């Protein structure tokens, strides 16, 4: 999975420089957020219950 995120990072930097559009630099952050949501949805509890559990950990 780390190789996928590295590839995503390199491609987004390449396109940001090549196309001169800095919006491409937000693609890796969006990828991490999507990955986070997918991992949360794999937990057998409900989505919001899982979020409550994660943020209640100390």
Protein backbone atom coordinates (compact mmCIF):
# COMPACT_ATOMS: atom_id res chain seq x y z
CA UNK A 1 0.00 0.00 0.00
CA UNK A 2 2.89 2.34 0.69
CA UNK A 3 4.05 1.95 -2.91
CA UNK A 4 0.63 3.00 -4.15
CA UNK A 5 0.75 6.19 -2.08
CA UNK A 6 4.31 6.91 -3.20
CA UNK A 7 3.28 6.46 -6.82
CA UNK A 8 0.27 8.70 -6.25
CA UNK A 9 2.54 11.34 -4.71
CA UNK A 10 5.06 11.23 -7.55
CA UNK A 11 2.34 11.39 -10.21
CA UNK A 12 0.58 14.29 -8.53
CA UNK A 13 3.84 16.25 -8.26
CA UNK A 14 4.62 15.48 -11.90
CA UNK A 15 1.19 16.65 -13.09
CA UNK A 16 1.29 19.73 -10.84
CA UNK A 17 4.59 20.80 -12.38
CA UNK A 18 3.75 19.73 -15.93
CA UNK A 19 0.25 21.24 -16.08
CA UNK A 20 1.05 24.13 -13.72
CA UNK A 21 -2.02 23.41 -11.63
CA UNK A 22 -1.32 23.24 -7.87
CA UNK A 23 -4.68 21.53 -7.28
CA UNK A 24 -2.96 18.24 -8.21
CA UNK A 25 -1.00 18.47 -4.96
CA UNK A 26 -4.19 17.78 -3.00
CA UNK A 27 -4.63 14.35 -4.63
CA UNK A 28 -2.38 12.47 -2.12
CA UNK A 29 -4.34 13.93 0.80
CA UNK A 30 -7.61 12.88 -0.79
CA UNK A 31 -6.17 9.39 -1.32
CA UNK A 32 -5.23 9.09 2.35
CA UNK A 33 -8.69 10.24 3.44
CA UNK A 34 -10.36 7.72 1.12
CA UNK A 35 -8.08 4.96 2.46
CA UNK A 36 -8.98 5.98 6.03
CA UNK A 37 -12.71 5.82 5.26
CA UNK A 38 -12.33 2.41 3.60
CA UNK A 39 -10.47 1.05 6.62
CA UNK A 40 -13.16 2.36 8.99
CA UNK A 41 -15.90 0.79 6.89
CA UNK A 42 -14.22 -2.62 7.22
CA UNK A 43 -14.82 -2.64 10.99
CA UNK A 44 -17.90 -4.73 11.88
CA UNK A 45 -19.47 -1.93 13.96
CA UNK A 46 -21.46 0.89 12.41
CA UNK A 47 -19.57 3.76 10.85
CA UNK A 48 -20.40 6.39 13.47
CA UNK A 49 -19.91 3.96 16.36
CA UNK A 50 -16.45 3.18 15.00
CA UNK A 51 -15.62 6.88 14.74
CA UNK A 52 -16.79 7.43 18.32
CA UNK A 53 -14.61 4.54 19.47
CA UNK A 54 -11.54 5.80 17.60
CA UNK A 55 -11.85 9.34 18.97
CA UNK A 56 -12.58 8.14 22.50
CA UNK A 57 -9.28 6.25 22.75
CA UNK A 58 -6.75 7.86 25.04
